[in-house]
PDB file of N, CA and C in Angstrom:
ATOM      1  N   GLN A   1     145.368 120.717  96.103  1.00  0.00           N
ATOM      2  CA  GLN A   1     144.285 121.145  96.949  1.00  0.00           C
ATOM      3  C   GLN A   1     142.993 120.975  96.318  1.00  0.00           C
ATOM      4  N   GLU A   2     141.917 120.659  97.193  1.00  0.00           N
ATOM      5  CA  GLU A   2     140.848 120.398  96.236  1.00  0.00           C
ATOM      6  C   GLU A   2     140.283 121.993  95.630  1.00  0.00           C
ATOM      7  N   GLN A   3     139.596 121.972  94.659  1.00  0.00           N
ATOM      8  CA  GLN A   3     139.281 123.230  93.975  1.00  0.00           C
ATOM      9  C   GLN A   3     137.986 123.441  94.369  1.00  0.00           C
ATOM     10  N   LEU A   4     136.974 122.500  94.900  1.00  0.00           N
ATOM     11  CA  LEU A   4     135.605 122.590  95.373  1.00  0.00           C
ATOM     12  C   LEU A   4     135.591 121.471  96.362  1.00  0.00           C
ATOM     13  N   MET A   5     134.922 122.060  97.539  1.00  0.00           N
ATOM     14  CA  MET A   5     134.545 121.113  98.706  1.00  0.00           C
ATOM     15  C   MET A   5     132.963 121.244  99.001  1.00  0.00           C
ATOM     16  N   GLU A   6     132.249 120.347  99.070  1.00  0.00           N
ATOM     17  CA  GLU A   6     130.870 120.319  99.685  1.00  0.00           C
ATOM     18  C   GLU A   6     130.909 119.789 101.058  1.00  0.00           C
ATOM     19  N   SER A   7     129.806 120.264 101.798  1.00  0.00           N
ATOM     20  CA  SER A   7     129.500 119.799 103.315  1.00  0.00           C
ATOM     21  C   SER A   7     127.989 120.040 103.284  1.00  0.00           C
ATOM     22  N   GLY A   8     127.623 119.319 104.606  1.00  0.00           N
ATOM     23  CA  GLY A   8     126.328 119.780 104.857  1.00  0.00           C
ATOM     24  C   GLY A   8     125.332 118.465 104.570  1.00  0.00           C
ATOM     25  N   GLY A   9     125.786 117.494 104.049  1.00  0.00           N
ATOM     26  CA  GLY A   9     124.956 116.349 103.791  1.00  0.00           C
ATOM     27  C   GLY A   9     124.461 115.615 105.177  1.00  0.00           C
ATOM     28  N   GLY A  10     123.839 114.697 104.958  1.00  0.00           N
ATOM     29  CA  GLY A  10     123.271 113.642 106.222  1.00  0.00           C
ATOM     30  C   GLY A  10     122.110 113.046 106.027  1.00  0.00           C
ATOM     31  N   LEU A  11     121.614 112.495 107.175  1.00  0.00           N
ATOM     32  CA  LEU A  11     120.315 111.871 107.222  1.00  0.00           C
ATOM     33  C   LEU A  11     119.377 112.764 107.526  1.00  0.00           C
ATOM     34  N   VAL A  12     118.165 112.660 106.930  1.00  0.00           N
ATOM     35  CA  VAL A  12     117.118 113.573 107.430  1.00  0.00           C
ATOM     36  C   VAL A  12     115.742 112.773 107.081  1.00  0.00           C
ATOM     37  N   PRO A  13     114.832 113.092 107.968  1.00  0.00           N
ATOM     38  CA  PRO A  13     113.590 112.429 107.773  1.00  0.00           C
ATOM     39  C   PRO A  13     112.711 113.216 106.491  1.00  0.00           C
ATOM     40  N   PRO A  14     111.770 112.292 105.823  1.00  0.00           N
ATOM     41  CA  PRO A  14     111.053 113.187 104.870  1.00  0.00           C
ATOM     42  C   PRO A  14     110.375 114.268 105.633  1.00  0.00           C
ATOM     43  N   GLY A  15     110.235 115.430 104.603  1.00  0.00           N
ATOM     44  CA  GLY A  15     109.736 116.664 105.106  1.00  0.00           C
ATOM     45  C   GLY A  15     110.930 117.586 105.872  1.00  0.00           C
ATOM     46  N   GLY A  16     112.076 117.296 106.108  1.00  0.00           N
ATOM     47  CA  GLY A  16     112.996 117.499 106.873  1.00  0.00           C
ATOM     48  C   GLY A  16     113.858 118.856 105.905  1.00  0.00           C
ATOM     49  N   SER A  17     114.651 119.302 106.297  1.00  0.00           N
ATOM     50  CA  SER A  17     115.609 120.339 105.708  1.00  0.00           C
ATOM     51  C   SER A  17     117.112 120.295 105.837  1.00  0.00           C
ATOM     52  N   LEU A  18     117.886 120.330 104.991  1.00  0.00           N
ATOM     53  CA  LEU A  18     119.289 120.717 104.927  1.00  0.00           C
ATOM     54  C   LEU A  18     119.800 121.740 104.132  1.00  0.00           C
ATOM     55  N   ARG A  19     121.041 122.153 104.582  1.00  0.00           N
ATOM     56  CA  ARG A  19     121.737 123.381 103.830  1.00  0.00           C
ATOM     57  C   ARG A  19     122.925 122.775 103.419  1.00  0.00           C
ATOM     58  N   LEU A  20     123.199 122.754 102.087  1.00  0.00           N
ATOM     59  CA  LEU A  20     124.590 122.357 101.534  1.00  0.00           C
ATOM     60  C   LEU A  20     125.331 123.490 101.262  1.00  0.00           C
ATOM     61  N   SER A  21     126.640 123.521 101.555  1.00  0.00           N
ATOM     62  CA  SER A  21     127.567 124.505 101.469  1.00  0.00           C
ATOM     63  C   SER A  21     128.715 124.091 100.233  1.00  0.00           C
ATOM     64  N   CYS A  22     129.099 124.811  99.442  1.00  0.00           N
ATOM     65  CA  CYS A  22     130.435 124.466  98.307  1.00  0.00           C
ATOM     66  C   CYS A  22     131.424 125.515  98.549  1.00  0.00           C
ATOM     67  N   VAL A  23     132.582 125.273  99.018  1.00  0.00           N
ATOM     68  CA  VAL A  23     133.449 126.180  99.265  1.00  0.00           C
ATOM     69  C   VAL A  23     134.617 125.874  98.071  1.00  0.00           C
ATOM     70  N   ALA A  24     135.020 127.131  97.305  1.00  0.00           N
ATOM     71  CA  ALA A  24     135.928 127.188  96.354  1.00  0.00           C
ATOM     72  C   ALA A  24     137.075 128.239  96.468  1.00  0.00           C
ATOM     73  N   PRO A  25     138.141 127.614  97.110  1.00  0.00           N
ATOM     74  CA  PRO A  25     139.118 128.254  97.750  1.00  0.00           C
ATOM     75  C   PRO A  25     140.236 128.311  96.529  1.00  0.00           C
ATOM     76  N   GLY A  26     140.328 127.694  95.469  1.00  0.00           N
ATOM     77  CA  GLY A  26     141.289 127.431  94.746  1.00  0.00           C
ATOM     78  C   GLY A  26     141.339 128.186  93.352  1.00  0.00           C
ATOM     79  N   PHE A  27     140.176 128.991  93.278  1.00  0.00           N
ATOM     80  CA  PHE A  27     140.246 129.744  91.925  1.00  0.00           C
ATOM     81  C   PHE A  27     139.192 130.837  91.947  1.00  0.00           C
ATOM     82  N   THR A  28     139.147 131.885  91.175  1.00  0.00           N
ATOM     83  CA  THR A  28     138.310 133.124  91.344  1.00  0.00           C
ATOM     84  C   THR A  28     136.764 132.812  90.974  1.00  0.00           C
ATOM     85  N   PHE A  29     136.448 132.612  92.162  1.00  0.00           N
ATOM     86  CA  PHE A  29     134.869 132.110  92.439  1.00  0.00           C
ATOM     87  C   PHE A  29     133.763 132.729  91.525  1.00  0.00           C
ATOM     88  N   SER A  30     134.191 134.233  91.775  1.00  0.00           N
ATOM     89  CA  SER A  30     133.226 135.185  91.091  1.00  0.00           C
ATOM     90  C   SER A  30     133.213 135.218  89.508  1.00  0.00           C
ATOM     91  N   ASP A  31     134.202 134.411  88.775  1.00  0.00           N
ATOM     92  CA  ASP A  31     134.319 134.494  87.448  1.00  0.00           C
ATOM     93  C   ASP A  31     133.232 133.241  87.069  1.00  0.00           C
ATOM     94  N   PHE A  32     132.713 132.346  87.895  1.00  0.00           N
ATOM     95  CA  PHE A  32     131.988 131.100  87.204  1.00  0.00           C
ATOM     96  C   PHE A  32     130.498 130.993  87.559  1.00  0.00           C
ATOM     97  N   VAL A  33     129.935 130.817  86.730  1.00  0.00           N
ATOM     98  CA  VAL A  33     128.526 130.285  86.882  1.00  0.00           C
ATOM     99  C   VAL A  33     128.591 129.020  87.631  1.00  0.00           C
ATOM    100  N   MET A  34     127.912 128.650  88.706  1.00  0.00           N
ATOM    101  CA  MET A  34     127.998 127.671  89.502  1.00  0.00           C
ATOM    102  C   MET A  34     126.692 126.931  89.587  1.00  0.00           C
ATOM    103  N   MET A  35     126.684 125.725  89.846  1.00  0.00           N
ATOM    104  CA  MET A  35     125.793 124.535  89.506  1.00  0.00           C
ATOM    105  C   MET A  35     125.790 123.580  90.600  1.00  0.00           C
ATOM    106  N   TRP A  36     124.807 123.032  91.123  1.00  0.00           N
ATOM    107  CA  TRP A  36     124.544 121.705  92.050  1.00  0.00           C
ATOM    108  C   TRP A  36     123.958 120.864  90.830  1.00  0.00           C
ATOM    109  N   PHE A  37     124.612 119.429  91.023  1.00  0.00           N
ATOM    110  CA  PHE A  37     124.275 118.296  90.455  1.00  0.00           C
ATOM    111  C   PHE A  37     123.791 117.288  91.762  1.00  0.00           C
ATOM    112  N   ARG A  38     123.072 116.131  91.225  1.00  0.00           N
ATOM    113  CA  ARG A  38     123.013 115.054  92.136  1.00  0.00           C
ATOM    114  C   ARG A  38     123.027 113.751  91.356  1.00  0.00           C
ATOM    115  N   GLN A  39     123.619 112.523  92.156  1.00  0.00           N
ATOM    116  CA  GLN A  39     123.487 111.411  91.462  1.00  0.00           C
ATOM    117  C   GLN A  39     122.883 110.509  92.444  1.00  0.00           C
ATOM    118  N   ALA A  40     121.748 109.857  92.056  1.00  0.00           N
ATOM    119  CA  ALA A  40     121.086 108.757  93.156  1.00  0.00           C
ATOM    120  C   ALA A  40     121.661 107.586  92.730  1.00  0.00           C
ATOM    121  N   PRO A  41     121.625 106.300  93.443  1.00  0.00           N
ATOM    122  CA  PRO A  41     122.094 105.193  93.246  1.00  0.00           C
ATOM    123  C   PRO A  41     121.716 104.595  91.984  1.00  0.00           C
ATOM    124  N   GLY A  42     122.377 104.151  90.928  1.00  0.00           N
ATOM    125  CA  GLY A  42     121.953 103.565  89.754  1.00  0.00           C
ATOM    126  C   GLY A  42     121.195 104.407  88.697  1.00  0.00           C
ATOM    127  N   LYS A  43     121.441 105.814  88.832  1.00  0.00           N
ATOM    128  CA  LYS A  43     121.041 106.648  88.095  1.00  0.00           C
ATOM    129  C   LYS A  43     122.250 107.741  87.699  1.00  0.00           C
ATOM    130  N   GLU A  44     121.826 108.407  86.471  1.00  0.00           N
ATOM    131  CA  GLU A  44     122.786 109.289  85.869  1.00  0.00           C
ATOM    132  C   GLU A  44     122.779 110.486  86.599  1.00  0.00           C
ATOM    133  N   ARG A  45     123.877 111.173  86.569  1.00  0.00           N
ATOM    134  CA  ARG A  45     124.058 112.596  87.328  1.00  0.00           C
ATOM    135  C   ARG A  45     123.028 113.641  86.638  1.00  0.00           C
ATOM    136  N   GLU A  46     122.338 114.259  87.611  1.00  0.00           N
ATOM    137  CA  GLU A  46     121.410 115.391  86.782  1.00  0.00           C
ATOM    138  C   GLU A  46     121.542 116.573  87.593  1.00  0.00           C
ATOM    139  N   LEU A  47     121.426 117.712  86.641  1.00  0.00           N
ATOM    140  CA  LEU A  47     121.563 119.188  86.937  1.00  0.00           C
ATOM    141  C   LEU A  47     120.302 119.481  88.162  1.00  0.00           C
ATOM    142  N   VAL A  48     120.553 119.854  89.051  1.00  0.00           N
ATOM    143  CA  VAL A  48     119.777 120.225  90.141  1.00  0.00           C
ATOM    144  C   VAL A  48     119.341 121.922  89.934  1.00  0.00           C
ATOM    145  N   ALA A  49     120.373 122.878  89.898  1.00  0.00           N
ATOM    146  CA  ALA A  49     120.233 124.174  90.345  1.00  0.00           C
ATOM    147  C   ALA A  49     121.405 124.760  89.651  1.00  0.00           C
ATOM    148  N   THR A  50     121.220 126.125  89.083  1.00  0.00           N
ATOM    149  CA  THR A  50     122.354 126.678  88.550  1.00  0.00           C
ATOM    150  C   THR A  50     122.301 128.347  88.973  1.00  0.00           C
ATOM    151  N   ILE A  51     123.425 128.818  89.237  1.00  0.00           N
ATOM    152  CA  ILE A  51     123.177 130.094  89.654  1.00  0.00           C
ATOM    153  C   ILE A  51     124.251 131.046  88.790  1.00  0.00           C
ATOM    154  N   SER A  52     123.738 132.417  88.460  1.00  0.00           N
ATOM    155  CA  SER A  52     124.653 133.066  87.712  1.00  0.00           C
ATOM    156  C   SER A  52     125.767 133.827  88.648  1.00  0.00           C
ATOM    157  N   VAL A  53     126.764 134.499  87.740  1.00  0.00           N
ATOM    158  CA  VAL A  53     127.646 134.996  88.378  1.00  0.00           C
ATOM    159  C   VAL A  53     127.570 135.650  89.662  1.00  0.00           C
ATOM    160  N   LEU A  54     126.881 136.804  89.556  1.00  0.00           N
ATOM    161  CA  LEU A  54     126.326 137.827  90.731  1.00  0.00           C
ATOM    162  C   LEU A  54     125.221 137.237  91.446  1.00  0.00           C
ATOM    163  N   GLY A  55     124.602 136.113  90.997  1.00  0.00           N
ATOM    164  CA  GLY A  55     123.551 135.514  91.876  1.00  0.00           C
ATOM    165  C   GLY A  55     122.208 136.168  91.372  1.00  0.00           C
ATOM    166  N   GLY A  56     121.987 136.713  90.480  1.00  0.00           N
ATOM    167  CA  GLY A  56     120.752 137.433  90.125  1.00  0.00           C
ATOM    168  C   GLY A  56     119.939 136.383  89.242  1.00  0.00           C
ATOM    169  N   VAL A  57     120.249 135.375  88.560  1.00  0.00           N
ATOM    170  CA  VAL A  57     119.445 134.526  87.965  1.00  0.00           C
ATOM    171  C   VAL A  57     119.768 132.955  88.527  1.00  0.00           C
ATOM    172  N   THR A  58     118.633 132.373  88.714  1.00  0.00           N
ATOM    173  CA  THR A  58     118.557 130.949  89.425  1.00  0.00           C
ATOM    174  C   THR A  58     117.744 130.147  88.420  1.00  0.00           C
ATOM    175  N   LYS A  59     118.007 128.912  88.207  1.00  0.00           N
ATOM    176  CA  LYS A  59     117.378 127.989  87.494  1.00  0.00           C
ATOM    177  C   LYS A  59     117.367 126.625  88.286  1.00  0.00           C
ATOM    178  N   TYR A  60     116.313 125.611  88.203  1.00  0.00           N
ATOM    179  CA  TYR A  60     116.190 124.808  89.124  1.00  0.00           C
ATOM    180  C   TYR A  60     115.354 123.750  88.016  1.00  0.00           C
ATOM    181  N   ALA A  61     115.738 122.289  88.500  1.00  0.00           N
ATOM    182  CA  ALA A  61     115.078 120.986  87.969  1.00  0.00           C
ATOM    183  C   ALA A  61     113.659 121.214  88.376  1.00  0.00           C
ATOM    184  N   ASP A  62     112.695 120.681  87.662  1.00  0.00           N
ATOM    185  CA  ASP A  62     111.442 120.785  87.900  1.00  0.00           C
ATOM    186  C   ASP A  62     111.039 120.108  89.152  1.00  0.00           C
ATOM    187  N   SER A  63     112.122 118.917  89.375  1.00  0.00           N
ATOM    188  CA  SER A  63     111.657 117.951  90.592  1.00  0.00           C
ATOM    189  C   SER A  63     111.931 118.773  91.886  1.00  0.00           C
ATOM    190  N   VAL A  64     112.773 119.977  91.508  1.00  0.00           N
ATOM    191  CA  VAL A  64     112.816 120.568  93.235  1.00  0.00           C
ATOM    192  C   VAL A  64     112.547 121.930  93.328  1.00  0.00           C
ATOM    193  N   LYS A  65     111.791 122.577  92.105  1.00  0.00           N
ATOM    194  CA  LYS A  65     111.347 123.912  92.232  1.00  0.00           C
ATOM    195  C   LYS A  65     110.194 124.117  93.481  1.00  0.00           C
ATOM    196  N   GLY A  66     110.366 125.065  94.028  1.00  0.00           N
ATOM    197  CA  GLY A  66     109.599 125.442  95.056  1.00  0.00           C
ATOM    198  C   GLY A  66     110.007 125.006  96.305  1.00  0.00           C
ATOM    199  N   ARG A  67     111.039 124.072  96.431  1.00  0.00           N
ATOM    200  CA  ARG A  67     111.661 123.290  97.669  1.00  0.00           C
ATOM    201  C   ARG A  67     113.097 123.701  97.826  1.00  0.00           C
ATOM    202  N   PHE A  68     113.989 123.537  97.038  1.00  0.00           N
ATOM    203  CA  PHE A  68     115.448 124.083  96.856  1.00  0.00           C
ATOM    204  C   PHE A  68     115.522 125.543  96.594  1.00  0.00           C
ATOM    205  N   THR A  69     116.467 126.239  97.285  1.00  0.00           N
ATOM    206  CA  THR A  69     117.023 127.395  96.790  1.00  0.00           C
ATOM    207  C   THR A  69     118.541 127.620  97.045  1.00  0.00           C
ATOM    208  N   VAL A  70     118.991 127.977  95.806  1.00  0.00           N
ATOM    209  CA  VAL A  70     120.443 128.130  95.434  1.00  0.00           C
ATOM    210  C   VAL A  70     120.862 129.615  95.671  1.00  0.00           C
ATOM    211  N   SER A  71     121.951 129.866  96.343  1.00  0.00           N
ATOM    212  CA  SER A  71     122.467 131.199  96.671  1.00  0.00           C
ATOM    213  C   SER A  71     124.050 131.057  96.800  1.00  0.00           C
ATOM    214  N   ARG A  72     124.750 132.366  96.728  1.00  0.00           N
ATOM    215  CA  ARG A  72     125.943 132.182  96.653  1.00  0.00           C
ATOM    216  C   ARG A  72     126.550 133.535  97.340  1.00  0.00           C
ATOM    217  N   ASN A  73     127.837 133.475  97.886  1.00  0.00           N
ATOM    218  CA  ASN A  73     128.425 134.546  98.746  1.00  0.00           C
ATOM    219  C   ASN A  73     129.841 134.720  97.887  1.00  0.00           C
ATOM    220  N   ASN A  74     129.998 135.587  97.121  1.00  0.00           N
ATOM    221  CA  ASN A  74     131.410 135.605  96.378  1.00  0.00           C
ATOM    222  C   ASN A  74     132.197 135.971  97.151  1.00  0.00           C
ATOM    223  N   ALA A  75     132.336 136.954  98.247  1.00  0.00           N
ATOM    224  CA  ALA A  75     133.267 137.441  99.285  1.00  0.00           C
ATOM    225  C   ALA A  75     133.605 136.099  99.841  1.00  0.00           C
ATOM    226  N   LYS A  76     132.885 135.261 100.210  1.00  0.00           N
ATOM    227  CA  LYS A  76     133.233 133.997 101.080  1.00  0.00           C
ATOM    228  C   LYS A  76     133.538 132.603 100.130  1.00  0.00           C
ATOM    229  N   GLN A  77     133.511 133.185  98.767  1.00  0.00           N
ATOM    230  CA  GLN A  77     133.818 132.009  97.699  1.00  0.00           C
ATOM    231  C   GLN A  77     132.824 130.801  98.207  1.00  0.00           C
ATOM    232  N   THR A  78     131.634 130.937  98.384  1.00  0.00           N
ATOM    233  CA  THR A  78     130.699 130.006  98.828  1.00  0.00           C
ATOM    234  C   THR A  78     129.471 129.935  98.126  1.00  0.00           C
ATOM    235  N   MET A  79     129.072 128.649  97.815  1.00  0.00           N
ATOM    236  CA  MET A  79     127.728 128.580  97.193  1.00  0.00           C
ATOM    237  C   MET A  79     126.955 127.648  98.096  1.00  0.00           C
ATOM    238  N   TYR A  80     125.725 127.976  98.195  1.00  0.00           N
ATOM    239  CA  TYR A  80     124.660 127.354  99.254  1.00  0.00           C
ATOM    240  C   TYR A  80     123.709 126.495  98.324  1.00  0.00           C
ATOM    241  N   LEU A  81     122.955 125.330  98.892  1.00  0.00           N
ATOM    242  CA  LEU A  81     121.708 124.877  98.429  1.00  0.00           C
ATOM    243  C   LEU A  81     120.780 124.606  99.773  1.00  0.00           C
ATOM    244  N   GLN A  82     119.682 125.306  99.919  1.00  0.00           N
ATOM    245  CA  GLN A  82     118.849 125.193 100.970  1.00  0.00           C
ATOM    246  C   GLN A  82     117.770 124.305 100.442  1.00  0.00           C
ATOM    247  N   MET A  83     117.654 122.962 101.042  1.00  0.00           N
ATOM    248  CA  MET A  83     116.870 122.052 100.692  1.00  0.00           C
ATOM    249  C   MET A  83     115.586 121.983 101.870  1.00  0.00           C
ATOM    250  N   ASN A  84     114.367 122.162 101.426  1.00  0.00           N
ATOM    251  CA  ASN A  84     113.234 122.013 102.244  1.00  0.00           C
ATOM    252  C   ASN A  84     112.351 121.060 101.736  1.00  0.00           C
ATOM    253  N   ASN A  85     111.614 120.298 102.819  1.00  0.00           N
ATOM    254  CA  ASN A  85     110.580 119.409 102.348  1.00  0.00           C
ATOM    255  C   ASN A  85     110.831 118.312 101.638  1.00  0.00           C
ATOM    256  N   LEU A  86     112.139 117.752 102.076  1.00  0.00           N
ATOM    257  CA  LEU A  86     112.841 116.779 101.412  1.00  0.00           C
ATOM    258  C   LEU A  86     112.020 115.537 100.995  1.00  0.00           C
ATOM    259  N   LEU A  87     112.211 114.814 100.206  1.00  0.00           N
ATOM    260  CA  LEU A  87     111.462 113.506  99.901  1.00  0.00           C
ATOM    261  C   LEU A  87     112.701 112.425  99.800  1.00  0.00           C
ATOM    262  N   PRO A  88     112.129 111.330  99.896  1.00  0.00           N
ATOM    263  CA  PRO A  88     112.974 110.139  99.641  1.00  0.00           C
ATOM    264  C   PRO A  88     113.749 110.302  98.386  1.00  0.00           C
ATOM    265  N   GLU A  89     113.191 110.708  97.592  1.00  0.00           N
ATOM    266  CA  GLU A  89     113.638 110.549  95.832  1.00  0.00           C
ATOM    267  C   GLU A  89     114.874 111.703  95.875  1.00  0.00           C
ATOM    268  N   ASP A  90     114.830 112.491  96.960  1.00  0.00           N
ATOM    269  CA  ASP A  90     116.049 113.418  96.790  1.00  0.00           C
ATOM    270  C   ASP A  90     117.402 112.947  97.383  1.00  0.00           C
ATOM    271  N   THR A  91     117.246 111.534  97.956  1.00  0.00           N
ATOM    272  CA  THR A  91     118.557 110.680  98.335  1.00  0.00           C
ATOM    273  C   THR A  91     119.415 110.797  97.091  1.00  0.00           C
ATOM    274  N   ALA A  92     120.707 111.325  97.441  1.00  0.00           N
ATOM    275  CA  ALA A  92     121.664 111.145  96.314  1.00  0.00           C
ATOM    276  C   ALA A  92     122.899 111.651  96.912  1.00  0.00           C
ATOM    277  N   VAL A  93     123.969 111.588  96.227  1.00  0.00           N
ATOM    278  CA  VAL A  93     125.260 112.244  96.276  1.00  0.00           C
ATOM    279  C   VAL A  93     125.149 113.837  95.496  1.00  0.00           C
ATOM    280  N   TYR A  94     125.492 114.862  96.068  1.00  0.00           N
ATOM    281  CA  TYR A  94     125.083 116.119  95.805  1.00  0.00           C
ATOM    282  C   TYR A  94     126.742 116.807  95.509  1.00  0.00           C
ATOM    283  N   TYR A  95     126.869 117.125  94.144  1.00  0.00           N
ATOM    284  CA  TYR A  95     128.165 117.807  93.820  1.00  0.00           C
ATOM    285  C   TYR A  95     127.955 119.286  93.312  1.00  0.00           C
ATOM    286  N   CYS A  96     128.990 120.041  93.530  1.00  0.00           N
ATOM    287  CA  CYS A  96     128.828 121.325  93.042  1.00  0.00           C
ATOM    288  C   CYS A  96     129.799 121.239  92.050  1.00  0.00           C
ATOM    289  N   ASN A  97     129.734 122.271  90.964  1.00  0.00           N
ATOM    290  CA  ASN A  97     130.566 122.513  89.726  1.00  0.00           C
ATOM    291  C   ASN A  97     130.641 123.780  89.324  1.00  0.00           C
ATOM    292  N   ALA A  98     131.907 124.023  88.789  1.00  0.00           N
ATOM    293  CA  ALA A  98     132.340 125.263  88.234  1.00  0.00           C
ATOM    294  C   ALA A  98     133.088 124.936  87.109  1.00  0.00           C
ATOM    295  N   GLY A  99     132.792 125.304  85.782  1.00  0.00           N
ATOM    296  CA  GLY A  99     133.406 124.828  84.753  1.00  0.00           C
ATOM    297  C   GLY A  99     133.581 123.341  84.405  1.00  0.00           C
ATOM    298  N   THR A 100     134.915 123.180  84.589  1.00  0.00           N
ATOM    299  CA  THR A 100     135.381 121.614  84.676  1.00  0.00           C
ATOM    300  C   THR A 100     135.708 121.042  85.846  1.00  0.00           C
ATOM    301  N   TRP A 101     135.447 122.015  86.881  1.00  0.00           N
ATOM    302  CA  TRP A 101     135.892 121.484  88.179  1.00  0.00           C
ATOM    303  C   TRP A 101     134.704 120.975  88.758  1.00  0.00           C
ATOM    304  N   TRP A 102     135.135 119.850  89.785  1.00  0.00           N
ATOM    305  CA  TRP A 102     133.878 119.232  90.417  1.00  0.00           C
ATOM    306  C   TRP A 102     134.566 118.955  92.058  1.00  0.00           C
ATOM    307  N   GLY A 103     133.539 119.013  92.998  1.00  0.00           N
ATOM    308  CA  GLY A 103     134.011 118.475  94.094  1.00  0.00           C
ATOM    309  C   GLY A 103     133.772 117.133  94.469  1.00  0.00           C
ATOM    310  N   PRO A 104     134.271 116.631  95.610  1.00  0.00           N
ATOM    311  CA  PRO A 104     133.922 115.107  95.742  1.00  0.00           C
ATOM    312  C   PRO A 104     132.647 114.504  96.012  1.00  0.00           C
ATOM    313  N   GLY A 105     131.494 115.644  96.521  1.00  0.00           N
ATOM    314  CA  GLY A 105     130.196 115.193  96.867  1.00  0.00           C
ATOM    315  C   GLY A 105     129.871 115.215  98.121  1.00  0.00           C
ATOM    316  N   THR A 106     128.713 115.314  98.525  1.00  0.00           N
ATOM    317  CA  THR A 106     128.181 114.960  99.820  1.00  0.00           C
ATOM    318  C   THR A 106     127.032 114.131  99.803  1.00  0.00           C
ATOM    319  N   LEU A 107     126.909 113.235 100.735  1.00  0.00           N
ATOM    320  CA  LEU A 107     125.702 112.364 100.535  1.00  0.00           C
ATOM    321  C   LEU A 107     124.687 113.132 101.448  1.00  0.00           C
ATOM    322  N   VAL A 108     123.408 112.824 100.831  1.00  0.00           N
ATOM    323  CA  VAL A 108     122.091 113.234 101.313  1.00  0.00           C
ATOM    324  C   VAL A 108     121.291 112.036 101.500  1.00  0.00           C
ATOM    325  N   THR A 109     120.764 111.582 102.377  1.00  0.00           N
ATOM    326  CA  THR A 109     119.935 110.626 102.723  1.00  0.00           C
ATOM    327  C   THR A 109     118.684 110.809 103.317  1.00  0.00           C
ATOM    328  N   VAL A 110     117.449 110.813 102.641  1.00  0.00           N
ATOM    329  CA  VAL A 110     116.053 111.243 103.376  1.00  0.00           C
ATOM    330  C   VAL A 110     115.432 109.785 103.577  1.00  0.00           C
ATOM    331  N   SER A 111     115.230 109.460 104.826  1.00  0.00           N
ATOM    332  CA  SER A 111     114.610 108.397 105.210  1.00  0.00           C
ATOM    333  C   SER A 111     114.229 108.510 106.676  1.00  0.00           C
ATOM    334  N   GLU A 112     113.186 107.533 107.031  1.00  0.00           N
ATOM    335  CA  GLU A 112     112.650 107.643 108.385  1.00  0.00           C
ATOM    336  C   GLU A 112     113.693 106.876 109.313  1.00  0.00           C
TER     337      GLU A 112
END
C-alpha cells in the first residue's frame, strides 16, 4: 500500500492555477510535519513548502512565495498545495513528504 499519493497535476498555461492533493492513508497523518518538494528536468529536488502538524505554521521557497499556499486537513489525512499564477519554471514533478516517506509524484507542466 502506498503511504503517500499525490494527485492534481496536469498541463496548464502560464498564469493558470492548479491544486495538488496528497493523501496519506497508511499512517497517523497528524503526527507529521508535511512538505511539498519538486524536481524539474535536469535539476535537483527542491523544497517548495512546509506545514506544521496542526497547520498553523507554513514556510515557502522564495520562488513560490505569494503564489503557492499549503494547507492540510488532518481529519481527511490530506495535504494540499494551491498553486496560482503558474510560471513555466514551475514545471516539475511534485512530491509530498512525511518523514522518510515519499509519494510517487505528480507532473505539473506549465506551457502554452
